[in-house]
Amino acid sequence: RLLATYGYDAERDFQSSRVDSKQNHDKRYFVTRRNHVFQLDSKGRMQKIMYNEVFRTPLQLPFDVFPKYIEALDKFVHLIHDDRFSISVPME
């Protein structure tokens, strides 16, 4: 339940991260947000998973929660990279 209770912090600099963009931006555009990795509905059922390693920033969690949270997050990250749970999608 830790990944549904506490959020992880993420930030994206759209100007720097979109080097392929053809637009001419003269100002930086940052999006900063905190999401729960597992988002549950009112009955406690999984509704959505939101996680992006690329934009993750340092966590802001209560000190006593951090060890168990990081352990749960580490297990989740290993699962999403496990070949047993991976599928290939042809890009045509």
PDB file of N, CA and C in Angstrom:
ATOM      1  N   ARG A   1       0.806  -1.216   0.000  1.00  0.00           N
ATOM      2  CA  ARG A   1       0.000   0.000   0.000  1.00  0.00           C
ATOM      3  C   ARG A   1       0.848   1.280   0.000  1.00  0.00           C
ATOM      4  N   LEU A   2       2.137   1.156   0.272  1.00  0.00           N
ATOM      5  CA  LEU A   2       2.973   2.358   0.327  1.00  0.00           C
ATOM      6  C   LEU A   2       2.988   3.111  -0.996  1.00  0.00           C
ATOM      7  N   LEU A   3       3.022   2.385  -2.110  1.00  0.00           N
ATOM      8  CA  LEU A   3       3.082   3.042  -3.415  1.00  0.00           C
ATOM      9  C   LEU A   3       1.740   3.667  -3.799  1.00  0.00           C
ATOM     10  N   ALA A   4       0.693   3.334  -3.056  1.00  0.00           N
ATOM     11  CA  ALA A   4      -0.610   3.958  -3.265  1.00  0.00           C
ATOM     12  C   ALA A   4      -0.873   5.066  -2.248  1.00  0.00           C
ATOM     13  N   THR A   5      -0.067   5.118  -1.209  1.00  0.00           N
ATOM     14  CA  THR A   5      -0.276   6.090  -0.136  1.00  0.00           C
ATOM     15  C   THR A   5       0.613   7.314  -0.281  1.00  0.00           C
ATOM     16  N   TYR A   6       1.875   7.083  -0.623  1.00  0.00           N
ATOM     17  CA  TYR A   6       2.833   8.180  -0.747  1.00  0.00           C
ATOM     18  C   TYR A   6       3.209   8.364  -2.205  1.00  0.00           C
ATOM     19  N   GLY A   7       3.423   9.610  -2.599  1.00  0.00           N
ATOM     20  CA  GLY A   7       3.756   9.899  -3.982  1.00  0.00           C
ATOM     21  C   GLY A   7       5.242   9.876  -4.246  1.00  0.00           C
ATOM     22  N   TYR A   8       5.578   9.832  -5.520  1.00  0.00           N
ATOM     23  CA  TYR A   8       6.965  10.050  -5.926  1.00  0.00           C
ATOM     24  C   TYR A   8       6.977  11.360  -6.687  1.00  0.00           C
ATOM     25  N   ASP A   9       8.098  12.037  -6.665  1.00  0.00           N
ATOM     26  CA  ASP A   9       8.209  13.349  -7.271  1.00  0.00           C
ATOM     27  C   ASP A   9       8.842  13.233  -8.651  1.00  0.00           C
ATOM     28  N   ALA A  10       8.324  14.030  -9.578  1.00  0.00           N
ATOM     29  CA  ALA A  10       8.839  14.000 -10.947  1.00  0.00           C
ATOM     30  C   ALA A  10       8.871  15.415 -11.502  1.00  0.00           C
ATOM     31  N   GLU A  11       9.819  15.638 -12.406  1.00  0.00           N
ATOM     32  CA  GLU A  11       9.932  16.948 -13.036  1.00  0.00           C
ATOM     33  C   GLU A  11      10.423  16.762 -14.462  1.00  0.00           C
ATOM     34  N   ARG A  12       9.897  17.574 -15.347  1.00  0.00           N
ATOM     35  CA  ARG A  12      10.335  17.525 -16.745  1.00  0.00           C
ATOM     36  C   ARG A  12      10.530  18.942 -17.257  1.00  0.00           C
ATOM     37  N   ASP A  13      11.661  19.142 -17.894  1.00  0.00           N
ATOM     38  CA  ASP A  13      11.966  20.397 -18.567  1.00  0.00           C
ATOM     39  C   ASP A  13      11.669  20.149 -20.044  1.00  0.00           C
ATOM     40  N   PHE A  14      10.543  20.626 -20.522  1.00  0.00           N
ATOM     41  CA  PHE A  14      10.120  20.322 -21.885  1.00  0.00           C
ATOM     42  C   PHE A  14      11.061  20.879 -22.942  1.00  0.00           C
ATOM     43  N   GLN A  15      11.669  22.017 -22.678  1.00  0.00           N
ATOM     44  CA  GLN A  15      12.580  22.571 -23.674  1.00  0.00           C
ATOM     45  C   GLN A  15      13.829  21.717 -23.814  1.00  0.00           C
ATOM     46  N   SER A  16      14.430  21.347 -22.705  1.00  0.00           N
ATOM     47  CA  SER A  16      15.663  20.560 -22.758  1.00  0.00           C
ATOM     48  C   SER A  16      15.420  19.124 -23.175  1.00  0.00           C
ATOM     49  N   SER A  17      14.279  18.564 -22.807  1.00  0.00           N
ATOM     50  CA  SER A  17      14.042  17.152 -23.095  1.00  0.00           C
ATOM     51  C   SER A  17      13.521  16.922 -24.504  1.00  0.00           C
ATOM     52  N   ARG A  18      13.157  17.963 -25.205  1.00  0.00           N
ATOM     53  CA  ARG A  18      12.643  17.806 -26.567  1.00  0.00           C
ATOM     54  C   ARG A  18      13.622  18.404 -27.575  1.00  0.00           C
ATOM     55  N   VAL A  19      14.790  17.810 -27.651  1.00  0.00           N
ATOM     56  CA  VAL A  19      15.795  18.320 -28.579  1.00  0.00           C
ATOM     57  C   VAL A  19      15.375  18.107 -30.025  1.00  0.00           C
ATOM     58  N   ASP A  20      14.407  17.214 -30.253  1.00  0.00           N
ATOM     59  CA  ASP A  20      13.929  16.965 -31.603  1.00  0.00           C
ATOM     60  C   ASP A  20      12.839  17.951 -32.030  1.00  0.00           C
ATOM     61  N   SER A  21      12.416  18.818 -31.105  1.00  0.00           N
ATOM     62  CA  SER A  21      11.331  19.750 -31.396  1.00  0.00           C
ATOM     63  C   SER A  21      11.768  20.789 -32.414  1.00  0.00           C
ATOM     64  N   LYS A  22      10.890  21.117 -33.303  1.00  0.00           N
ATOM     65  CA  LYS A  22      11.176  22.129 -34.322  1.00  0.00           C
ATOM     66  C   LYS A  22      10.717  23.524 -33.864  1.00  0.00           C
ATOM     67  N   GLN A  23      10.086  23.592 -32.710  1.00  0.00           N
ATOM     68  CA  GLN A  23       9.599  24.869 -32.207  1.00  0.00           C
ATOM     69  C   GLN A  23      10.751  25.673 -31.613  1.00  0.00           C
ATOM     70  N   ASN A  24      10.652  26.967 -31.705  1.00  0.00           N
ATOM     71  CA  ASN A  24      11.671  27.852 -31.137  1.00  0.00           C
ATOM     72  C   ASN A  24      11.166  28.420 -29.815  1.00  0.00           C
ATOM     73  N   HIS A  25      11.519  27.765 -28.735  1.00  0.00           N
ATOM     74  CA  HIS A  25      11.112  28.232 -27.413  1.00  0.00           C
ATOM     75  C   HIS A  25      12.194  29.154 -26.866  1.00  0.00           C
ATOM     76  N   ASP A  26      11.779  30.252 -26.288  1.00  0.00           N
ATOM     77  CA  ASP A  26      12.756  31.152 -25.690  1.00  0.00           C
ATOM     78  C   ASP A  26      12.678  31.139 -24.164  1.00  0.00           C
ATOM     79  N   LYS A  27      11.763  30.342 -23.604  1.00  0.00           N
ATOM     80  CA  LYS A  27      11.652  30.231 -22.152  1.00  0.00           C
ATOM     81  C   LYS A  27      11.556  28.767 -21.785  1.00  0.00           C
ATOM     82  N   ARG A  28      12.000  28.471 -20.587  1.00  0.00           N
ATOM     83  CA  ARG A  28      11.935  27.089 -20.109  1.00  0.00           C
ATOM     84  C   ARG A  28      10.519  26.797 -19.637  1.00  0.00           C
ATOM     85  N   TYR A  29      10.125  25.546 -19.782  1.00  0.00           N
ATOM     86  CA  TYR A  29       8.800  25.128 -19.358  1.00  0.00           C
ATOM     87  C   TYR A  29       8.952  23.866 -18.520  1.00  0.00           C
ATOM     88  N   PHE A  30       8.811  24.011 -17.214  1.00  0.00           N
ATOM     89  CA  PHE A  30       8.960  22.896 -16.283  1.00  0.00           C
ATOM     90  C   PHE A  30       7.590  22.422 -15.823  1.00  0.00           C
ATOM     91  N   VAL A  31       7.447  21.122 -15.733  1.00  0.00           N
ATOM     92  CA  VAL A  31       6.271  20.530 -15.113  1.00  0.00           C
ATOM     93  C   VAL A  31       6.771  19.711 -13.932  1.00  0.00           C
ATOM     94  N   THR A  32       6.284  20.029 -12.766  1.00  0.00           N
ATOM     95  CA  THR A  32       6.658  19.320 -11.551  1.00  0.00           C
ATOM     96  C   THR A  32       5.385  18.757 -10.948  1.00  0.00           C
ATOM     97  N   ARG A  33       5.447  17.461 -10.565  1.00  0.00           N
ATOM     98  CA  ARG A  33       4.255  16.871  -9.970  1.00  0.00           C
ATOM     99  C   ARG A  33       4.608  15.754  -9.019  1.00  0.00           C
ATOM    100  N   ARG A  34       3.663  15.416  -8.189  1.00  0.00           N
ATOM    101  CA  ARG A  34       3.792  14.296  -7.265  1.00  0.00           C
ATOM    102  C   ARG A  34       2.621  13.361  -7.550  1.00  0.00           C
ATOM    103  N   ASN A  35       2.945  12.125  -7.857  1.00  0.00           N
ATOM    104  CA  ASN A  35       1.925  11.111  -8.153  1.00  0.00           C
ATOM    105  C   ASN A  35       2.078   9.944  -7.204  1.00  0.00           C
ATOM    106  N   HIS A  36       0.990   9.300  -6.913  1.00  0.00           N
ATOM    107  CA  HIS A  36       1.071   7.985  -6.294  1.00  0.00           C
ATOM    108  C   HIS A  36       1.348   7.015  -7.432  1.00  0.00           C
ATOM    109  N   VAL A  37       2.284   6.107  -7.259  1.00  0.00           N
ATOM    110  CA  VAL A  37       2.600   5.137  -8.304  1.00  0.00           C
ATOM    111  C   VAL A  37       1.357   4.308  -8.607  1.00  0.00           C
ATOM    112  N   PHE A  38       0.710   3.792  -7.564  1.00  0.00           N
ATOM    113  CA  PHE A  38      -0.530   3.038  -7.737  1.00  0.00           C
ATOM    114  C   PHE A  38      -1.687   3.940  -7.351  1.00  0.00           C
ATOM    115  N   GLN A  39      -2.587   4.163  -8.279  1.00  0.00           N
ATOM    116  CA  GLN A  39      -3.766   4.964  -7.991  1.00  0.00           C
ATOM    117  C   GLN A  39      -4.963   4.019  -7.904  1.00  0.00           C
ATOM    118  N   LEU A  40      -5.652   4.086  -6.768  1.00  0.00           N
ATOM    119  CA  LEU A  40      -6.745   3.167  -6.468  1.00  0.00           C
ATOM    120  C   LEU A  40      -8.086   3.873  -6.560  1.00  0.00           C
ATOM    121  N   ASP A  41      -9.126   3.093  -6.860  1.00  0.00           N
ATOM    122  CA  ASP A  41     -10.465   3.672  -6.850  1.00  0.00           C
ATOM    123  C   ASP A  41     -10.992   3.685  -5.411  1.00  0.00           C
ATOM    124  N   SER A  42     -12.234   4.117  -5.222  1.00  0.00           N
ATOM    125  CA  SER A  42     -12.793   4.268  -3.875  1.00  0.00           C
ATOM    126  C   SER A  42     -12.938   2.939  -3.139  1.00  0.00           C
ATOM    127  N   LYS A  43     -12.887   1.817  -3.859  1.00  0.00           N
ATOM    128  CA  LYS A  43     -12.981   0.498  -3.234  1.00  0.00           C
ATOM    129  C   LYS A  43     -11.609  -0.149  -3.046  1.00  0.00           C
ATOM    130  N   GLY A  44     -10.553   0.593  -3.345  1.00  0.00           N
ATOM    131  CA  GLY A  44      -9.198   0.084  -3.148  1.00  0.00           C
ATOM    132  C   GLY A  44      -8.683  -0.781  -4.288  1.00  0.00           C
ATOM    133  N   ARG A  45      -9.367  -0.761  -5.428  1.00  0.00           N
ATOM    134  CA  ARG A  45      -8.927  -1.538  -6.590  1.00  0.00           C
ATOM    135  C   ARG A  45      -8.002  -0.685  -7.461  1.00  0.00           C
ATOM    136  N   MET A  46      -7.060  -1.358  -8.091  1.00  0.00           N
ATOM    137  CA  MET A  46      -6.108  -0.657  -8.956  1.00  0.00           C
ATOM    138  C   MET A  46      -6.858   0.058 -10.078  1.00  0.00           C
ATOM    139  N   GLN A  47      -6.609   1.340 -10.199  1.00  0.00           N
ATOM    140  CA  GLN A  47      -7.227   2.142 -11.246  1.00  0.00           C
ATOM    141  C   GLN A  47      -6.190   2.546 -12.295  1.00  0.00           C
ATOM    142  N   LYS A  48      -4.995   2.901 -11.822  1.00  0.00           N
ATOM    143  CA  LYS A  48      -3.977   3.405 -12.736  1.00  0.00           C
ATOM    144  C   LYS A  48      -2.603   3.226 -12.108  1.00  0.00           C
ATOM    145  N   ILE A  49      -1.596   3.016 -12.954  1.00  0.00           N
ATOM    146  CA  ILE A  49      -0.204   3.005 -12.518  1.00  0.00           C
ATOM    147  C   ILE A  49       0.488   4.145 -13.252  1.00  0.00           C
ATOM    148  N   MET A  50       1.149   5.014 -12.497  1.00  0.00           N
ATOM    149  CA  MET A  50       1.872   6.134 -13.094  1.00  0.00           C
ATOM    150  C   MET A  50       3.296   6.120 -12.578  1.00  0.00           C
ATOM    151  N   TYR A  51       4.231   5.883 -13.485  1.00  0.00           N
ATOM    152  CA  TYR A  51       5.638   5.854 -13.091  1.00  0.00           C
ATOM    153  C   TYR A  51       6.500   6.133 -14.305  1.00  0.00           C
ATOM    154  N   ASN A  52       7.481   6.990 -14.140  1.00  0.00           N
ATOM    155  CA  ASN A  52       8.419   7.296 -15.214  1.00  0.00           C
ATOM    156  C   ASN A  52       9.786   7.526 -14.584  1.00  0.00           C
ATOM    157  N   GLU A  53      10.699   6.609 -14.805  1.00  0.00           N
ATOM    158  CA  GLU A  53      12.032   6.712 -14.210  1.00  0.00           C
ATOM    159  C   GLU A  53      12.810   7.920 -14.701  1.00  0.00           C
ATOM    160  N   VAL A  54      12.590   8.296 -15.942  1.00  0.00           N
ATOM    161  CA  VAL A  54      13.380   9.362 -16.551  1.00  0.00           C
ATOM    162  C   VAL A  54      13.180  10.693 -15.833  1.00  0.00           C
ATOM    163  N   PHE A  55      11.975  10.962 -15.381  1.00  0.00           N
ATOM    164  CA  PHE A  55      11.674  12.269 -14.805  1.00  0.00           C
ATOM    165  C   PHE A  55      11.598  12.254 -13.284  1.00  0.00           C
ATOM    166  N   ARG A  56      11.968  11.134 -12.662  1.00  0.00           N
ATOM    167  CA  ARG A  56      11.908  11.027 -11.211  1.00  0.00           C
ATOM    168  C   ARG A  56      12.950  11.954 -10.577  1.00  0.00           C
ATOM    169  N   THR A  57      12.571  12.619  -9.514  1.00  0.00           N
ATOM    170  CA  THR A  57      13.463  13.505  -8.767  1.00  0.00           C
ATOM    171  C   THR A  57      13.591  12.967  -7.343  1.00  0.00           C
ATOM    172  N   PRO A  58      14.441  13.557  -6.509  1.00  0.00           N
ATOM    173  CA  PRO A  58      14.570  13.061  -5.138  1.00  0.00           C
ATOM    174  C   PRO A  58      13.224  13.008  -4.425  1.00  0.00           C
ATOM    175  N   LEU A  59      13.031  11.934  -3.677  1.00  0.00           N
ATOM    176  CA  LEU A  59      11.774  11.723  -2.968  1.00  0.00           C
ATOM    177  C   LEU A  59      11.655  12.633  -1.757  1.00  0.00           C
ATOM    178  N   GLN A  60      10.450  13.058  -1.497  1.00  0.00           N
ATOM    179  CA  GLN A  60      10.153  13.851  -0.303  1.00  0.00           C
ATOM    180  C   GLN A  60       9.159  13.047   0.526  1.00  0.00           C
ATOM    181  N   LEU A  61       9.694  12.228   1.420  1.00  0.00           N
ATOM    182  CA  LEU A  61       8.886  11.337   2.243  1.00  0.00           C
ATOM    183  C   LEU A  61       9.245  11.519   3.710  1.00  0.00           C
ATOM    184  N   PRO A  62       8.321  11.155   4.600  1.00  0.00           N
ATOM    185  CA  PRO A  62       8.696  11.149   6.022  1.00  0.00           C
ATOM    186  C   PRO A  62       9.866  10.189   6.243  1.00  0.00           C
ATOM    187  N   PHE A  63      10.776  10.574   7.107  1.00  0.00           N
ATOM    188  CA  PHE A  63      11.996   9.802   7.329  1.00  0.00           C
ATOM    189  C   PHE A  63      11.698   8.358   7.717  1.00  0.00           C
ATOM    190  N   ASP A  64      10.699   8.138   8.564  1.00  0.00           N
ATOM    191  CA  ASP A  64      10.400   6.781   9.024  1.00  0.00           C
ATOM    192  C   ASP A  64       9.747   5.914   7.944  1.00  0.00           C
ATOM    193  N   VAL A  65       9.174   6.523   6.938  1.00  0.00           N
ATOM    194  CA  VAL A  65       8.517   5.789   5.846  1.00  0.00           C
ATOM    195  C   VAL A  65       9.520   5.399   4.757  1.00  0.00           C
ATOM    196  N   PHE A  66      10.554   6.210   4.601  1.00  0.00           N
ATOM    197  CA  PHE A  66      11.469   6.056   3.462  1.00  0.00           C
ATOM    198  C   PHE A  66      12.015   4.640   3.273  1.00  0.00           C
ATOM    199  N   PRO A  67      12.568   3.965   4.288  1.00  0.00           N
ATOM    200  CA  PRO A  67      13.158   2.640   4.038  1.00  0.00           C
ATOM    201  C   PRO A  67      12.174   1.631   3.436  1.00  0.00           C
ATOM    202  N   LYS A  68      10.975   1.571   3.961  1.00  0.00           N
ATOM    203  CA  LYS A  68       9.993   0.612   3.445  1.00  0.00           C
ATOM    204  C   LYS A  68       9.475   1.054   2.071  1.00  0.00           C
ATOM    205  N   TYR A  69       9.318   2.370   1.868  1.00  0.00           N
ATOM    206  CA  TYR A  69       8.858   2.876   0.570  1.00  0.00           C
ATOM    207  C   TYR A  69       9.882   2.550  -0.520  1.00  0.00           C
ATOM    208  N   ILE A  70      11.148   2.832  -0.259  1.00  0.00           N
ATOM    209  CA  ILE A  70      12.171   2.599  -1.283  1.00  0.00           C
ATOM    210  C   ILE A  70      12.308   1.109  -1.559  1.00  0.00           C
ATOM    211  N   GLU A  71      12.103   0.266  -0.558  1.00  0.00           N
ATOM    212  CA  GLU A  71      12.125  -1.183  -0.766  1.00  0.00           C
ATOM    213  C   GLU A  71      10.962  -1.604  -1.676  1.00  0.00           C
ATOM    214  N   ALA A  72       9.773  -1.061  -1.436  1.00  0.00           N
ATOM    215  CA  ALA A  72       8.604  -1.377  -2.275  1.00  0.00           C
ATOM    216  C   ALA A  72       8.808  -0.852  -3.694  1.00  0.00           C
ATOM    217  N   LEU A  73       9.341   0.364  -3.825  1.00  0.00           N
ATOM    218  CA  LEU A  73       9.581   0.935  -5.152  1.00  0.00           C
ATOM    219  C   LEU A  73      10.622   0.114  -5.908  1.00  0.00           C
ATOM    220  N   ASP A  74      11.664  -0.313  -5.213  1.00  0.00           N
ATOM    221  CA  ASP A  74      12.705  -1.130  -5.834  1.00  0.00           C
ATOM    222  C   ASP A  74      12.126  -2.455  -6.356  1.00  0.00           C
ATOM    223  N   LYS A  75      11.270  -3.091  -5.573  1.00  0.00           N
ATOM    224  CA  LYS A  75      10.625  -4.335  -6.024  1.00  0.00           C
ATOM    225  C   LYS A  75       9.776  -4.085  -7.261  1.00  0.00           C
ATOM    226  N   PHE A  76       9.006  -2.986  -7.244  1.00  0.00           N
ATOM    227  CA  PHE A  76       8.161  -2.644  -8.393  1.00  0.00           C
ATOM    228  C   PHE A  76       9.013  -2.409  -9.644  1.00  0.00           C
ATOM    229  N   VAL A  77      10.085  -1.642  -9.518  1.00  0.00           N
ATOM    230  CA  VAL A  77      10.952  -1.345 -10.662  1.00  0.00           C
ATOM    231  C   VAL A  77      11.568  -2.629 -11.218  1.00  0.00           C
ATOM    232  N   HIS A  78      11.981  -3.545 -10.353  1.00  0.00           N
ATOM    233  CA  HIS A  78      12.519  -4.820 -10.837  1.00  0.00           C
ATOM    234  C   HIS A  78      11.463  -5.618 -11.591  1.00  0.00           C
ATOM    235  N   LEU A  79      10.230  -5.579 -11.118  1.00  0.00           N
ATOM    236  CA  LEU A  79       9.155  -6.293 -11.809  1.00  0.00           C
ATOM    237  C   LEU A  79       8.875  -5.716 -13.192  1.00  0.00           C
ATOM    238  N   ILE A  80       8.864  -4.394 -13.308  1.00  0.00           N
ATOM    239  CA  ILE A  80       8.545  -3.823 -14.625  1.00  0.00           C
ATOM    240  C   ILE A  80       9.674  -4.024 -15.627  1.00  0.00           C
ATOM    241  N   HIS A  81      10.874  -4.342 -15.148  1.00  0.00           N
ATOM    242  CA  HIS A  81      11.987  -4.622 -16.059  1.00  0.00           C
ATOM    243  C   HIS A  81      12.234  -6.120 -16.245  1.00  0.00           C
ATOM    244  N   ASP A  82      11.448  -6.943 -15.600  1.00  0.00           N
ATOM    245  CA  ASP A  82      11.599  -8.395 -15.680  1.00  0.00           C
ATOM    246  C   ASP A  82      11.039  -8.890 -17.021  1.00  0.00           C
ATOM    247  N   ASP A  83      11.825  -9.655 -17.740  1.00  0.00           N
ATOM    248  CA  ASP A  83      11.398 -10.164 -19.047  1.00  0.00           C
ATOM    249  C   ASP A  83      10.112 -10.974 -18.979  1.00  0.00           C
ATOM    250  N   ARG A  84       9.812 -11.568 -17.843  1.00  0.00           N
ATOM    251  CA  ARG A  84       8.580 -12.348 -17.708  1.00  0.00           C
ATOM    252  C   ARG A  84       7.327 -11.488 -17.870  1.00  0.00           C
ATOM    253  N   PHE A  85       7.462 -10.203 -17.618  1.00  0.00           N
ATOM    254  CA  PHE A  85       6.314  -9.301 -17.687  1.00  0.00           C
ATOM    255  C   PHE A  85       6.440  -8.306 -18.841  1.00  0.00           C
ATOM    256  N   SER A  86       7.274  -8.630 -19.796  1.00  0.00           N
ATOM    257  CA  SER A  86       7.545  -7.734 -20.918  1.00  0.00           C
ATOM    258  C   SER A  86       6.948  -8.285 -22.195  1.00  0.00           C
ATOM    259  N   ILE A  87       6.454  -7.401 -23.022  1.00  0.00           N
ATOM    260  CA  ILE A  87       5.977  -7.792 -24.349  1.00  0.00           C
ATOM    261  C   ILE A  87       6.637  -6.872 -25.373  1.00  0.00           C
ATOM    262  N   SER A  88       6.792  -7.393 -26.569  1.00  0.00           N
ATOM    263  CA  SER A  88       7.344  -6.586 -27.664  1.00  0.00           C
ATOM    264  C   SER A  88       6.218  -6.145 -28.564  1.00  0.00           C
ATOM    265  N   VAL A  89       6.254  -4.890 -28.922  1.00  0.00           N
ATOM    266  CA  VAL A  89       5.244  -4.321 -29.807  1.00  0.00           C
ATOM    267  C   VAL A  89       5.955  -3.844 -31.059  1.00  0.00           C
ATOM    268  N   PRO A  90       5.642  -4.451 -32.207  1.00  0.00           N
ATOM    269  CA  PRO A  90       6.315  -4.017 -33.440  1.00  0.00           C
ATOM    270  C   PRO A  90       5.919  -2.568 -33.787  1.00  0.00           C
ATOM    271  N   MET A  91       6.901  -1.799 -34.136  1.00  0.00           N
ATOM    272  CA  MET A  91       6.663  -0.414 -34.534  1.00  0.00           C
ATOM    273  C   MET A  91       6.737  -0.346 -36.052  1.00  0.00           C
ATOM    274  N   GLU A  92       5.604  -0.176 -36.652  1.00  0.00           N
ATOM    275  CA  GLU A  92       5.549  -0.144 -38.138  1.00  0.00           C
ATOM    276  C   GLU A  92       5.226   1.223 -38.641  1.00  0.00           C
TER     277      GLU A  92
END
